Each structure stands twice: as C-alpha cells, then as structure tokens.
Amino acid sequence: MSIKTSERNFARRIDLTSLQLFVAVCELGSIGKAAEREFIAASAVSKRLSDLEATLDTLLLYRHTRGVDLTPAGESLLHHARSVLFSLEKMQGELSEYADGVRGHVRVHASISAIIQFLPDDLGDFIRRHGEIKIDLEEHLSTEVVRAVQEGAADLGVCNTANGTGELQTLPYRNDRLVLIVPTGHALLAQGAINFEQALDYDQVGLHSNSSIYLALRQAAAAVGRTIKLRIHVTGLDAMCRMIHNGLGVGVMPQRAFELMHGVGALESIALLDSWAGRQIDLVARDFSTLPLTARLLVEHLTQAPGQLMQALPLPRHQALPNP
C-alpha cells in the first residue's frame, strides 16, 4: 500500500528527539525536570515542544506554575509516541543481534499440541545447524495462530487447521492422534478402544473452550445429540492430567503428548475410533514463496523432519503412565 504525500510529509516533519522530550515532560510533569534528566536546557525543551505543537497544529500541554498537564490531544500523542519509541528500541535490539552474529529472525506461533509433541526436537535440531538464526516461538490456540499469520504478527504458524485458514497457504507438518485419558482402573479401559460418544457419560476435563481439541469434542457430542459434561477447563495438558488423576473426570489429548508426560499421575489412555481423532498439524503462512530466506530455511527443515510424512499413529489398546 503506497503512502500518501501528506502522510509522507507529516512523517518527515516529526522529530524523534522532540517526541522523546515530550514523553519525558509527560512522565515527569515538568519541563524543568525533563530538561535536567535529559541534560538539555529548559528553554530548548520548551522550544522543541512549541515547534511540535506548531507542526501538529494543536495544543499538547497546559502550562502552569506547578508544571504541565496533558490536553486530550497530548494524551493521544503520548500513547502514539511511546509506541513509536518502543518500536524503535525493538528495532535497535533486533538489528544489534546482526552485529552479534545473528543473521535472521523468524517469528513462529504454534499450538500447544505442536509445541509439546514435535517442535522442541525439530527446532533444537534446526538451531544446532543454523545457530545464527533467532527463532521467537509463542504458544497460542490454533485459531489465534491462524489470525496472527493473517495479520502479520507471525511469519509462520504451526497448528491444526481443521477449522479453516482462509486464504493462507498450508503445508503438512505432522500427524497426531487423540486419545481419551482416564485414571488407572477406570471402567472404560475394559473396552480397549471406544467411540468418544461412550465417554460422554462421564465428567470431562477440557482444554480452553476455543482450542481445536475442545471444538472437535463439542462437534462430536452435538452430532449424536449429546452435550459434554464439562467439570473444568484447564489451559495445559499437564494440568489436565493432574485433574484426571485426582478424580475430576476424563479428558482428551494427543497420544504422543500423553506419552511424553512422565509421572503426572496414575493414568492410562484409551484409543478413540472416531475419524476426527486422527489429526494433521500444518505449517501456515501467507505465502511460502515470499517468506524471508531464514523462514524458508525453517520451513524446509520442518517439512523434511524425521517422521514428517508419517501416517496417523496406530490405535493402541491402552497405555499407562508410571505412577508419580
């Protein structure tokens, strides 16, 4: 999107030093105190603020004998000035990393399932090969991962895309399978493998209401005219295991995540026969071909990671975790 001439001229007229002094005056409530902190004459600070008001054609400060107060326009400018200065500090920090040897920066948002099951190994291997590349990884719900990529807050997303991605591009990353987690000795263990409908008779420990797993469970229950007897929502898989271990209900999570959680309770998993229990985790981007080189290197690594093309995990009869 092109910048209008008026917008370009406005940006050129705004002086960053004046913005910094304006913020200092606002924080200290006094031109004199701001001048002392910034090691500049009070008259020079006052002149810069007057020039800033002239540039913006609006009054920013009410000046009085006790100091200054913000006008409504000044309050608005303070908000934007802080945002601009913070962005500049962030830019300086990231650029300084290049001087320290970092040669790339990839922003990744991923679901909890991807982070627990697959990304630690894959990203660790990538960093060992490309130590000069920095990866910022944030955990979010799958719907939020998709939104972050759409809005440009993340270069790359890693999540379940069953609920759609709009116009974003996707590449297959891994497959996982959901299983039902129950306390050792639970009555359903005698079944070997079940349809989720059979678990609806029991209280449920669920993940966040907007998580891809919980949305799948709600849809499955609605398809058979039932509702989930939700006992509690939790934000993490470890918390889910602890709640189930302490008798608050049963819950659904990825099989491999359950296998990786050692010592969180006397628990066992039961295979789910439902077709939706086999899931695909995808890489998501606006356009993979236009990603920066460092991000494309990461995509190439993730799509070639061992087991990336594996089929859905086989249905186990049931599997127990060791007692804590």
C-alpha atoms as a PDB file:
ATOM      1  CA  MET A   1       0.000   0.000   0.000  1.00  0.00           C
ATOM      2  CA  SER A   2       1.504   3.332  -1.064  1.00  0.00           C
ATOM      3  CA  ILE A   3       1.947   6.207   1.384  1.00  0.00           C
ATOM      4  CA  LYS A   4       0.083   9.397   0.524  1.00  0.00           C
ATOM      5  CA  THR A   5       2.167  12.533   0.016  1.00  0.00           C
ATOM      6  CA  SER A   6       0.545  14.235   3.018  1.00  0.00           C
ATOM      7  CA  GLU A   7       1.363  11.251   5.225  1.00  0.00           C
ATOM      8  CA  ARG A   8       4.976  11.183   3.994  1.00  0.00           C
ATOM      9  CA  ASN A   9       5.409  14.907   4.667  1.00  0.00           C
ATOM     10  CA  PHE A  10       3.910  14.510   8.143  1.00  0.00           C
ATOM     11  CA  ALA A  11       6.381  11.727   8.969  1.00  0.00           C
ATOM     12  CA  ARG A  12       9.276  13.934   7.815  1.00  0.00           C
ATOM     13  CA  ARG A  13       8.150  16.849   9.987  1.00  0.00           C
ATOM     14  CA  ILE A  14       8.020  14.779  13.187  1.00  0.00           C
ATOM     15  CA  ASP A  15      11.313  14.943  15.077  1.00  0.00           C
ATOM     16  CA  LEU A  16      12.165  11.882  17.172  1.00  0.00           C
ATOM     17  CA  THR A  17      14.160  13.892  19.692  1.00  0.00           C
ATOM     18  CA  SER A  18      11.148  16.141  20.233  1.00  0.00           C
ATOM     19  CA  LEU A  19       8.977  13.046  20.777  1.00  0.00           C
ATOM     20  CA  GLN A  20      11.438  11.737  23.355  1.00  0.00           C
ATOM     21  CA  LEU A  21      11.455  15.087  25.170  1.00  0.00           C
ATOM     22  CA  PHE A  22       7.655  15.258  25.022  1.00  0.00           C
ATOM     23  CA  VAL A  23       7.395  11.816  26.672  1.00  0.00           C
ATOM     24  CA  ALA A  24       9.933  12.858  29.324  1.00  0.00           C
ATOM     25  CA  VAL A  25       7.956  16.006  30.135  1.00  0.00           C
ATOM     26  CA  CYS A  26       4.743  13.982  30.381  1.00  0.00           C
ATOM     27  CA  GLU A  27       6.341  11.408  32.674  1.00  0.00           C
ATOM     28  CA  LEU A  28       7.874  13.997  34.994  1.00  0.00           C
ATOM     29  CA  GLY A  29       5.124  16.610  34.768  1.00  0.00           C
ATOM     30  CA  SER A  30       7.631  19.404  34.374  1.00  0.00           C
ATOM     31  CA  ILE A  31       9.708  20.899  31.590  1.00  0.00           C
ATOM     32  CA  GLY A  32      12.469  21.746  34.058  1.00  0.00           C
ATOM     33  CA  LYS A  33      12.706  18.222  35.478  1.00  0.00           C
ATOM     34  CA  ALA A  34      12.685  16.734  31.965  1.00  0.00           C
ATOM     35  CA  ALA A  35      15.483  19.114  30.955  1.00  0.00           C
ATOM     36  CA  GLU A  36      17.585  18.020  33.939  1.00  0.00           C
ATOM     37  CA  ARG A  37      17.050  14.324  33.185  1.00  0.00           C
ATOM     38  CA  GLU A  38      17.828  14.713  29.502  1.00  0.00           C
ATOM     39  CA  PHE A  39      20.808  17.088  30.082  1.00  0.00           C
ATOM     40  CA  ILE A  40      19.392  19.879  27.941  1.00  0.00           C
ATOM     41  CA  ALA A  41      18.434  23.488  28.665  1.00  0.00           C
ATOM     42  CA  ALA A  42      14.824  24.000  29.740  1.00  0.00           C
ATOM     43  CA  SER A  43      14.446  26.729  27.105  1.00  0.00           C
ATOM     44  CA  ALA A  44      15.499  24.258  24.406  1.00  0.00           C
ATOM     45  CA  VAL A  45      12.944  21.729  25.627  1.00  0.00           C
ATOM     46  CA  SER A  46      10.239  24.390  25.652  1.00  0.00           C
ATOM     47  CA  LYS A  47      11.183  25.465  22.109  1.00  0.00           C
ATOM     48  CA  ARG A  48      11.002  21.887  20.810  1.00  0.00           C
ATOM     49  CA  LEU A  49       7.582  21.359  22.390  1.00  0.00           C
ATOM     50  CA  SER A  50       6.309  24.612  20.870  1.00  0.00           C
ATOM     51  CA  ASP A  51       7.636  23.535  17.457  1.00  0.00           C
ATOM     52  CA  LEU A  52       5.958  20.140  17.887  1.00  0.00           C
ATOM     53  CA  GLU A  53       2.627  21.817  18.656  1.00  0.00           C
ATOM     54  CA  ALA A  54       3.061  24.049  15.616  1.00  0.00           C
ATOM     55  CA  THR A  55       3.803  21.037  13.423  1.00  0.00           C
ATOM     56  CA  LEU A  56       0.698  19.236  14.667  1.00  0.00           C
ATOM     57  CA  ASP A  57      -1.337  22.463  14.715  1.00  0.00           C
ATOM     58  CA  THR A  58      -2.778  21.635  18.132  1.00  0.00           C
ATOM     59  CA  LEU A  59      -2.125  22.343  21.804  1.00  0.00           C
ATOM     60  CA  LEU A  60      -0.488  19.394  23.563  1.00  0.00           C
ATOM     61  CA  LEU A  61       0.195  20.738  27.067  1.00  0.00           C
ATOM     62  CA  TYR A  62      -1.472  23.030  29.559  1.00  0.00           C
ATOM     63  CA  ARG A  63       1.411  25.024  31.080  1.00  0.00           C
ATOM     64  CA  HIS A  64       1.051  26.381  34.614  1.00  0.00           C
ATOM     65  CA  THR A  65       3.277  27.374  37.536  1.00  0.00           C
ATOM     66  CA  ARG A  66       3.286  23.861  39.006  1.00  0.00           C
ATOM     67  CA  GLY A  67       4.319  22.202  35.748  1.00  0.00           C
ATOM     68  CA  VAL A  68       2.296  20.871  32.818  1.00  0.00           C
ATOM     69  CA  ASP A  69      -0.838  18.817  32.214  1.00  0.00           C
ATOM     70  CA  LEU A  70      -1.802  16.960  29.057  1.00  0.00           C
ATOM     71  CA  THR A  71      -4.534  18.157  26.754  1.00  0.00           C
ATOM     72  CA  PRO A  72      -6.713  15.469  25.140  1.00  0.00           C
ATOM     73  CA  ALA A  73      -4.542  15.756  22.028  1.00  0.00           C
ATOM     74  CA  GLY A  74      -1.442  15.436  24.209  1.00  0.00           C
ATOM     75  CA  GLU A  75      -2.779  12.231  25.773  1.00  0.00           C
ATOM     76  CA  SER A  76      -3.302  10.772  22.306  1.00  0.00           C
ATOM     77  CA  LEU A  77       0.182  11.794  21.183  1.00  0.00           C
ATOM     78  CA  LEU A  78       1.739  10.335  24.340  1.00  0.00           C
ATOM     79  CA  HIS A  79       0.191   6.947  23.558  1.00  0.00           C
ATOM     80  CA  HIS A  80       1.465   7.003  19.971  1.00  0.00           C
ATOM     81  CA  ALA A  81       4.861   8.452  20.891  1.00  0.00           C
ATOM     82  CA  ARG A  82       5.500   5.672  23.381  1.00  0.00           C
ATOM     83  CA  SER A  83       4.513   3.116  20.775  1.00  0.00           C
ATOM     84  CA  VAL A  84       6.864   4.649  18.188  1.00  0.00           C
ATOM     85  CA  LEU A  85       9.775   4.855  20.611  1.00  0.00           C
ATOM     86  CA  PHE A  86       9.193   1.279  21.814  1.00  0.00           C
ATOM     87  CA  SER A  87       9.218   0.064  18.199  1.00  0.00           C
ATOM     88  CA  LEU A  88      12.478   1.906  17.608  1.00  0.00           C
ATOM     89  CA  GLU A  89      14.039   0.296  20.685  1.00  0.00           C
ATOM     90  CA  LYS A  90      12.863  -3.102  19.491  1.00  0.00           C
ATOM     91  CA  MET A  91      14.272  -2.410  16.034  1.00  0.00           C
ATOM     92  CA  GLN A  92      17.604  -1.387  17.553  1.00  0.00           C
ATOM     93  CA  GLY A  93      17.668  -4.546  19.660  1.00  0.00           C
ATOM     94  CA  GLU A  94      16.967  -6.809  16.717  1.00  0.00           C
ATOM     95  CA  LEU A  95      19.470  -5.056  14.467  1.00  0.00           C
ATOM     96  CA  SER A  96      22.134  -5.274  17.168  1.00  0.00           C
ATOM     97  CA  GLU A  97      21.716  -9.042  17.040  1.00  0.00           C
ATOM     98  CA  TYR A  98      23.018  -8.963  13.475  1.00  0.00           C
ATOM     99  CA  ALA A  99      26.169  -7.261  14.739  1.00  0.00           C
ATOM    100  CA  ASP A 100      26.489 -10.051  17.310  1.00  0.00           C
ATOM    101  CA  GLY A 101      26.304 -12.743  14.646  1.00  0.00           C
ATOM    102  CA  VAL A 102      22.552 -13.333  14.303  1.00  0.00           C
ATOM    103  CA  ARG A 103      21.723 -13.444  10.602  1.00  0.00           C
ATOM    104  CA  GLY A 104      17.968 -13.921  10.675  1.00  0.00           C
ATOM    105  CA  HIS A 105      14.856 -13.735  12.791  1.00  0.00           C
ATOM    106  CA  VAL A 106      11.757 -15.940  12.401  1.00  0.00           C
ATOM    107  CA  ARG A 107       8.544 -15.356  14.361  1.00  0.00           C
ATOM    108  CA  VAL A 108       6.648 -18.598  14.953  1.00  0.00           C
ATOM    109  CA  HIS A 109       3.269 -19.049  16.642  1.00  0.00           C
ATOM    110  CA  ALA A 110       2.241 -22.624  17.425  1.00  0.00           C
ATOM    111  CA  SER A 111      -0.446 -24.634  19.202  1.00  0.00           C
ATOM    112  CA  ILE A 112       0.254 -26.397  22.478  1.00  0.00           C
ATOM    113  CA  SER A 113      -0.018 -29.785  20.725  1.00  0.00           C
ATOM    114  CA  ALA A 114       2.723 -28.871  18.250  1.00  0.00           C
ATOM    115  CA  ILE A 115       4.937 -27.361  20.938  1.00  0.00           C
ATOM    116  CA  ILE A 116       4.729 -30.310  23.302  1.00  0.00           C
ATOM    117  CA  GLN A 117       4.919 -33.111  20.769  1.00  0.00           C
ATOM    118  CA  PHE A 118       7.198 -32.086  17.927  1.00  0.00           C
ATOM    119  CA  LEU A 119       8.722 -28.599  17.899  1.00  0.00           C
ATOM    120  CA  PRO A 120      11.279 -28.952  20.717  1.00  0.00           C
ATOM    121  CA  ASP A 121      13.185 -31.662  18.834  1.00  0.00           C
ATOM    122  CA  ASP A 122      12.763 -30.112  15.395  1.00  0.00           C
ATOM    123  CA  LEU A 123      13.632 -26.543  16.401  1.00  0.00           C
ATOM    124  CA  GLY A 124      16.531 -27.741  18.530  1.00  0.00           C
ATOM    125  CA  ASP A 125      17.991 -29.564  15.554  1.00  0.00           C
ATOM    126  CA  PHE A 126      17.443 -26.502  13.346  1.00  0.00           C
ATOM    127  CA  ILE A 127      19.229 -24.175  15.790  1.00  0.00           C
ATOM    128  CA  ARG A 128      22.162 -26.565  16.039  1.00  0.00           C
ATOM    129  CA  ARG A 129      22.517 -26.327  12.256  1.00  0.00           C
ATOM    130  CA  HIS A 130      21.755 -22.595  11.992  1.00  0.00           C
ATOM    131  CA  GLY A 131      22.971 -21.005  15.211  1.00  0.00           C
ATOM    132  CA  GLU A 132      22.992 -17.572  13.596  1.00  0.00           C
ATOM    133  CA  ILE A 133      19.195 -17.598  13.180  1.00  0.00           C
ATOM    134  CA  LYS A 134      16.966 -16.495  16.056  1.00  0.00           C
ATOM    135  CA  ILE A 135      13.516 -18.054  16.483  1.00  0.00           C
ATOM    136  CA  ASP A 136      10.820 -16.363  18.558  1.00  0.00           C
ATOM    137  CA  LEU A 137       8.246 -19.028  19.489  1.00  0.00           C
ATOM    138  CA  GLU A 138       4.893 -18.212  21.096  1.00  0.00           C
ATOM    139  CA  GLU A 139       2.166 -20.633  22.196  1.00  0.00           C
ATOM    140  CA  HIS A 140      -1.405 -19.822  21.143  1.00  0.00           C
ATOM    141  CA  LEU A 141      -4.686 -21.546  20.339  1.00  0.00           C
ATOM    142  CA  SER A 142      -4.883 -22.798  16.748  1.00  0.00           C
ATOM    143  CA  THR A 143      -7.460 -20.133  15.828  1.00  0.00           C
ATOM    144  CA  GLU A 144      -5.171 -17.453  17.247  1.00  0.00           C
ATOM    145  CA  VAL A 145      -2.172 -18.870  15.375  1.00  0.00           C
ATOM    146  CA  VAL A 146      -4.066 -18.536  12.090  1.00  0.00           C
ATOM    147  CA  ARG A 147      -5.107 -14.981  12.955  1.00  0.00           C
ATOM    148  CA  ALA A 148      -1.534 -14.000  13.851  1.00  0.00           C
ATOM    149  CA  VAL A 149      -0.272 -15.171  10.456  1.00  0.00           C
ATOM    150  CA  GLN A 150      -3.130 -13.403   8.679  1.00  0.00           C
ATOM    151  CA  GLU A 151      -2.358 -10.139  10.477  1.00  0.00           C
ATOM    152  CA  GLY A 152       1.416 -10.425  10.013  1.00  0.00           C
ATOM    153  CA  ALA A 153       2.204 -10.873  13.722  1.00  0.00           C
ATOM    154  CA  ALA A 154       3.883 -14.202  12.880  1.00  0.00           C
ATOM    155  CA  ASP A 155       5.882 -15.302   9.850  1.00  0.00           C
ATOM    156  CA  LEU A 156       4.938 -18.944  10.318  1.00  0.00           C
ATOM    157  CA  GLY A 157       2.177 -20.801  12.143  1.00  0.00           C
ATOM    158  CA  VAL A 158       2.140 -24.437  13.284  1.00  0.00           C
ATOM    159  CA  CYS A 159      -1.287 -25.729  14.248  1.00  0.00           C
ATOM    160  CA  ASN A 160      -4.316 -27.857  13.491  1.00  0.00           C
ATOM    161  CA  THR A 161      -6.208 -26.245  10.616  1.00  0.00           C
ATOM    162  CA  ALA A 162      -9.459 -28.228  10.730  1.00  0.00           C
ATOM    163  CA  ASN A 163     -11.404 -25.012  11.353  1.00  0.00           C
ATOM    164  CA  GLY A 164     -10.024 -23.332   8.235  1.00  0.00           C
ATOM    165  CA  THR A 165      -7.280 -20.887   7.314  1.00  0.00           C
ATOM    166  CA  GLY A 166      -8.996 -18.504   4.902  1.00  0.00           C
ATOM    167  CA  GLU A 167      -6.626 -17.561   2.080  1.00  0.00           C
ATOM    168  CA  LEU A 168      -3.479 -18.672   3.896  1.00  0.00           C
ATOM    169  CA  GLN A 169      -1.242 -21.366   2.448  1.00  0.00           C
ATOM    170  CA  THR A 170      -0.579 -24.613   4.324  1.00  0.00           C
ATOM    171  CA  LEU A 171       1.953 -27.432   4.194  1.00  0.00           C
ATOM    172  CA  PRO A 172       1.636 -30.745   6.080  1.00  0.00           C
ATOM    173  CA  TYR A 173       3.919 -30.976   9.105  1.00  0.00           C
ATOM    174  CA  ARG A 174       2.958 -33.892  11.370  1.00  0.00           C
ATOM    175  CA  ASN A 175       0.072 -36.201  12.188  1.00  0.00           C
ATOM    176  CA  ASP A 176      -1.139 -36.964  15.674  1.00  0.00           C
ATOM    177  CA  ARG A 177      -3.969 -38.983  17.218  1.00  0.00           C
ATOM    178  CA  LEU A 178      -6.237 -38.018  20.065  1.00  0.00           C
ATOM    179  CA  VAL A 179      -6.841 -40.480  22.887  1.00  0.00           C
ATOM    180  CA  LEU A 180      -9.018 -40.499  25.988  1.00  0.00           C
ATOM    181  CA  ILE A 181      -7.113 -40.185  29.267  1.00  0.00           C
ATOM    182  CA  VAL A 182      -8.634 -41.931  32.308  1.00  0.00           C
ATOM    183  CA  PRO A 183      -7.454 -42.874  35.802  1.00  0.00           C
ATOM    184  CA  THR A 184      -5.972 -46.335  36.195  1.00  0.00           C
ATOM    185  CA  GLY A 185      -8.755 -48.836  36.839  1.00  0.00           C
ATOM    186  CA  HIS A 186     -11.447 -46.820  35.005  1.00  0.00           C
ATOM    187  CA  ALA A 187     -14.404 -48.829  33.697  1.00  0.00           C
ATOM    188  CA  LEU A 188     -13.830 -47.788  30.084  1.00  0.00           C
ATOM    189  CA  LEU A 189     -10.435 -49.498  29.990  1.00  0.00           C
ATOM    190  CA  ALA A 190     -12.214 -52.829  29.533  1.00  0.00           C
ATOM    191  CA  GLN A 191     -13.453 -51.639  26.121  1.00  0.00           C
ATOM    192  CA  GLY A 192      -9.971 -51.490  24.573  1.00  0.00           C
ATOM    193  CA  ALA A 193     -10.915 -48.812  22.052  1.00  0.00           C
ATOM    194  CA  ILE A 194     -14.065 -46.685  22.056  1.00  0.00           C
ATOM    195  CA  ASN A 195     -16.018 -44.037  20.220  1.00  0.00           C
ATOM    196  CA  PHE A 196     -15.983 -40.693  22.023  1.00  0.00           C
ATOM    197  CA  GLU A 197     -19.750 -40.979  22.490  1.00  0.00           C
ATOM    198  CA  GLN A 198     -19.115 -43.639  25.132  1.00  0.00           C
ATOM    199  CA  ALA A 199     -17.091 -41.124  27.173  1.00  0.00           C
ATOM    200  CA  LEU A 200     -19.963 -38.626  27.291  1.00  0.00           C
ATOM    201  CA  ASP A 201     -21.456 -40.401  30.295  1.00  0.00           C
ATOM    202  CA  TYR A 202     -18.521 -39.164  32.380  1.00  0.00           C
ATOM    203  CA  ASP A 203     -17.431 -35.748  33.630  1.00  0.00           C
ATOM    204  CA  GLN A 204     -14.893 -34.132  31.317  1.00  0.00           C
ATOM    205  CA  VAL A 205     -11.729 -32.145  31.957  1.00  0.00           C
ATOM    206  CA  GLY A 206     -11.475 -29.890  28.908  1.00  0.00           C
ATOM    207  CA  LEU A 207      -8.936 -27.560  27.380  1.00  0.00           C
ATOM    208  CA  HIS A 208      -9.727 -23.923  26.562  1.00  0.00           C
ATOM    209  CA  SER A 209     -13.196 -23.563  25.030  1.00  0.00           C
ATOM    210  CA  ASN A 210     -11.689 -22.248  21.769  1.00  0.00           C
ATOM    211  CA  SER A 211      -8.988 -24.910  21.458  1.00  0.00           C
ATOM    212  CA  SER A 212      -9.152 -27.131  18.370  1.00  0.00           C
ATOM    213  CA  ILE A 213      -9.460 -30.247  20.567  1.00  0.00           C
ATOM    214  CA  TYR A 214     -12.387 -28.934  22.596  1.00  0.00           C
ATOM    215  CA  LEU A 215     -14.155 -27.668  19.469  1.00  0.00           C
ATOM    216  CA  ALA A 216     -13.821 -31.159  17.955  1.00  0.00           C
ATOM    217  CA  LEU A 217     -15.274 -32.728  21.102  1.00  0.00           C
ATOM    218  CA  ARG A 218     -18.243 -30.343  21.128  1.00  0.00           C
ATOM    219  CA  GLN A 219     -18.969 -31.080  17.470  1.00  0.00           C
ATOM    220  CA  ALA A 220     -18.740 -34.830  18.088  1.00  0.00           C
ATOM    221  CA  ALA A 221     -21.152 -34.594  21.015  1.00  0.00           C
ATOM    222  CA  ALA A 222     -23.588 -32.421  19.053  1.00  0.00           C
ATOM    223  CA  ALA A 223     -23.522 -34.916  16.160  1.00  0.00           C
ATOM    224  CA  VAL A 224     -25.094 -37.582  18.428  1.00  0.00           C
ATOM    225  CA  GLY A 225     -27.447 -35.175  20.167  1.00  0.00           C
ATOM    226  CA  ARG A 226     -25.433 -35.054  23.390  1.00  0.00           C
ATOM    227  CA  THR A 227     -23.596 -32.404  25.390  1.00  0.00           C
ATOM    228  CA  ILE A 228     -20.283 -32.551  27.201  1.00  0.00           C
ATOM    229  CA  LYS A 229     -20.499 -32.810  30.984  1.00  0.00           C
ATOM    230  CA  LEU A 230     -17.699 -30.321  31.489  1.00  0.00           C
ATOM    231  CA  ARG A 231     -16.301 -30.289  35.014  1.00  0.00           C
ATOM    232  CA  ILE A 232     -13.449 -27.850  34.482  1.00  0.00           C
ATOM    233  CA  HIS A 233     -11.474 -26.038  31.770  1.00  0.00           C
ATOM    234  CA  VAL A 234      -7.665 -26.093  32.020  1.00  0.00           C
ATOM    235  CA  THR A 235      -5.026 -24.273  29.994  1.00  0.00           C
ATOM    236  CA  GLY A 236      -2.407 -27.019  29.723  1.00  0.00           C
ATOM    237  CA  LEU A 237      -2.084 -30.746  29.182  1.00  0.00           C
ATOM    238  CA  ASP A 238      -0.130 -31.269  32.395  1.00  0.00           C
ATOM    239  CA  ALA A 239      -2.947 -29.615  34.356  1.00  0.00           C
ATOM    240  CA  MET A 240      -5.435 -31.877  32.573  1.00  0.00           C
ATOM    241  CA  CYS A 241      -3.505 -34.970  33.683  1.00  0.00           C
ATOM    242  CA  ARG A 242      -3.379 -33.796  37.276  1.00  0.00           C
ATOM    243  CA  MET A 243      -7.119 -33.104  37.338  1.00  0.00           C
ATOM    244  CA  ILE A 244      -7.914 -36.521  35.858  1.00  0.00           C
ATOM    245  CA  HIS A 245      -5.563 -38.217  38.307  1.00  0.00           C
ATOM    246  CA  ASN A 246      -7.443 -36.547  41.162  1.00  0.00           C
ATOM    247  CA  GLY A 247     -10.828 -37.781  40.017  1.00  0.00           C
ATOM    248  CA  LEU A 248     -12.337 -34.714  38.332  1.00  0.00           C
ATOM    249  CA  GLY A 249     -13.197 -36.569  35.140  1.00  0.00           C
ATOM    250  CA  VAL A 250     -11.706 -37.883  31.890  1.00  0.00           C
ATOM    251  CA  GLY A 251     -10.063 -35.877  29.097  1.00  0.00           C
ATOM    252  CA  VAL A 252      -8.837 -35.980  25.516  1.00  0.00           C
ATOM    253  CA  MET A 253      -5.301 -35.119  24.411  1.00  0.00           C
ATOM    254  CA  PRO A 254      -2.787 -36.176  21.734  1.00  0.00           C
ATOM    255  CA  GLN A 255      -1.344 -39.646  22.276  1.00  0.00           C
ATOM    256  CA  ARG A 256       2.298 -38.575  21.926  1.00  0.00           C
ATOM    257  CA  ALA A 257       1.830 -35.699  24.366  1.00  0.00           C
ATOM    258  CA  PHE A 258       0.492 -38.197  26.906  1.00  0.00           C
ATOM    259  CA  GLU A 259       3.474 -40.450  26.325  1.00  0.00           C
ATOM    260  CA  LEU A 260       5.876 -37.554  26.929  1.00  0.00           C
ATOM    261  CA  MET A 261       4.291 -36.623  30.269  1.00  0.00           C
ATOM    262  CA  HIS A 262       6.028 -38.865  32.753  1.00  0.00           C
ATOM    263  CA  GLY A 263       4.948 -39.054  36.360  1.00  0.00           C
ATOM    264  CA  VAL A 264       1.902 -36.769  36.318  1.00  0.00           C
ATOM    265  CA  GLY A 265      -0.490 -39.363  37.740  1.00  0.00           C
ATOM    266  CA  ALA A 266      -1.746 -42.943  37.652  1.00  0.00           C
ATOM    267  CA  LEU A 267      -3.306 -42.602  34.222  1.00  0.00           C
ATOM    268  CA  GLU A 268      -3.967 -44.654  31.101  1.00  0.00           C
ATOM    269  CA  SER A 269      -5.014 -43.857  27.548  1.00  0.00           C
ATOM    270  CA  ILE A 270      -7.821 -45.385  25.518  1.00  0.00           C
ATOM    271  CA  ALA A 271      -7.835 -45.246  21.719  1.00  0.00           C
ATOM    272  CA  LEU A 272     -10.634 -43.266  20.083  1.00  0.00           C
ATOM    273  CA  LEU A 273     -12.126 -44.854  16.959  1.00  0.00           C
ATOM    274  CA  ASP A 274     -13.659 -41.597  15.692  1.00  0.00           C
ATOM    275  CA  SER A 275     -12.289 -40.400  12.345  1.00  0.00           C
ATOM    276  CA  TRP A 276     -11.637 -36.892  13.719  1.00  0.00           C
ATOM    277  CA  ALA A 277      -9.292 -38.347  16.358  1.00  0.00           C
ATOM    278  CA  GLY A 278      -6.617 -38.625  13.656  1.00  0.00           C
ATOM    279  CA  ARG A 279      -5.412 -35.074  13.003  1.00  0.00           C
ATOM    280  CA  GLN A 280      -2.960 -33.254  10.787  1.00  0.00           C
ATOM    281  CA  ILE A 281      -0.807 -30.420  12.088  1.00  0.00           C
ATOM    282  CA  ASP A 282       0.123 -27.949   9.351  1.00  0.00           C
ATOM    283  CA  LEU A 283       2.579 -25.171   8.684  1.00  0.00           C
ATOM    284  CA  VAL A 284       0.727 -21.957   7.841  1.00  0.00           C
ATOM    285  CA  ALA A 285       1.966 -18.859   6.016  1.00  0.00           C
ATOM    286  CA  ARG A 286       0.596 -16.048   3.910  1.00  0.00           C
ATOM    287  CA  ASP A 287       2.767 -17.139   1.006  1.00  0.00           C
ATOM    288  CA  PHE A 288       5.611 -19.610   1.500  1.00  0.00           C
ATOM    289  CA  SER A 289       7.378 -18.416  -1.646  1.00  0.00           C
ATOM    290  CA  THR A 290       7.712 -14.838  -0.378  1.00  0.00           C
ATOM    291  CA  LEU A 291       8.921 -15.657   3.137  1.00  0.00           C
ATOM    292  CA  PRO A 292      12.363 -14.309   4.098  1.00  0.00           C
ATOM    293  CA  LEU A 293      15.211 -16.717   3.411  1.00  0.00           C
ATOM    294  CA  THR A 294      15.586 -17.632   7.088  1.00  0.00           C
ATOM    295  CA  ALA A 295      11.895 -18.511   7.388  1.00  0.00           C
ATOM    296  CA  ARG A 296      12.075 -20.592   4.200  1.00  0.00           C
ATOM    297  CA  LEU A 297      15.045 -22.476   5.623  1.00  0.00           C
ATOM    298  CA  LEU A 298      12.960 -23.285   8.698  1.00  0.00           C
ATOM    299  CA  VAL A 299      10.007 -24.421   6.581  1.00  0.00           C
ATOM    300  CA  GLU A 300      12.297 -26.665   4.546  1.00  0.00           C
ATOM    301  CA  HIS A 301      13.715 -28.150   7.741  1.00  0.00           C
ATOM    302  CA  LEU A 302      10.307 -28.774   9.302  1.00  0.00           C
ATOM    303  CA  THR A 303       8.852 -30.384   6.199  1.00  0.00           C
ATOM    304  CA  GLN A 304      11.835 -32.733   5.973  1.00  0.00           C
ATOM    305  CA  ALA A 305      11.968 -33.549   9.709  1.00  0.00           C
ATOM    306  CA  PRO A 306      12.095 -37.270  10.553  1.00  0.00           C
ATOM    307  CA  GLY A 307       8.593 -38.674  10.702  1.00  0.00           C
ATOM    308  CA  GLN A 308       7.069 -35.632   8.981  1.00  0.00           C
ATOM    309  CA  LEU A 309       5.302 -37.852   6.463  1.00  0.00           C
ATOM    310  CA  MET A 310       4.289 -40.498   8.966  1.00  0.00           C
ATOM    311  CA  GLN A 311       0.715 -41.704   8.843  1.00  0.00           C
ATOM    312  CA  ALA A 312      -1.668 -41.317  11.765  1.00  0.00           C
ATOM    313  CA  LEU A 313      -0.398 -43.148  14.786  1.00  0.00           C
ATOM    314  CA  PRO A 314      -1.688 -46.728  15.145  1.00  0.00           C
ATOM    315  CA  LEU A 315      -4.516 -47.348  17.555  1.00  0.00           C
ATOM    316  CA  PRO A 316      -3.112 -48.691  20.828  1.00  0.00           C
ATOM    317  CA  ARG A 317      -5.238 -50.875  23.078  1.00  0.00           C
ATOM    318  CA  HIS A 318      -4.353 -48.648  26.010  1.00  0.00           C
ATOM    319  CA  GLN A 319      -1.179 -47.328  27.531  1.00  0.00           C
ATOM    320  CA  ALA A 320      -0.354 -46.414  31.106  1.00  0.00           C
ATOM    321  CA  LEU A 321       1.899 -43.789  32.562  1.00  0.00           C
ATOM    322  CA  PRO A 322       4.042 -44.732  35.537  1.00  0.00           C
ATOM    323  CA  ASN A 323       2.863 -43.669  38.967  1.00  0.00           C
ATOM    324  CA  PRO A 324       4.451 -40.437  40.196  1.00  0.00           C
END
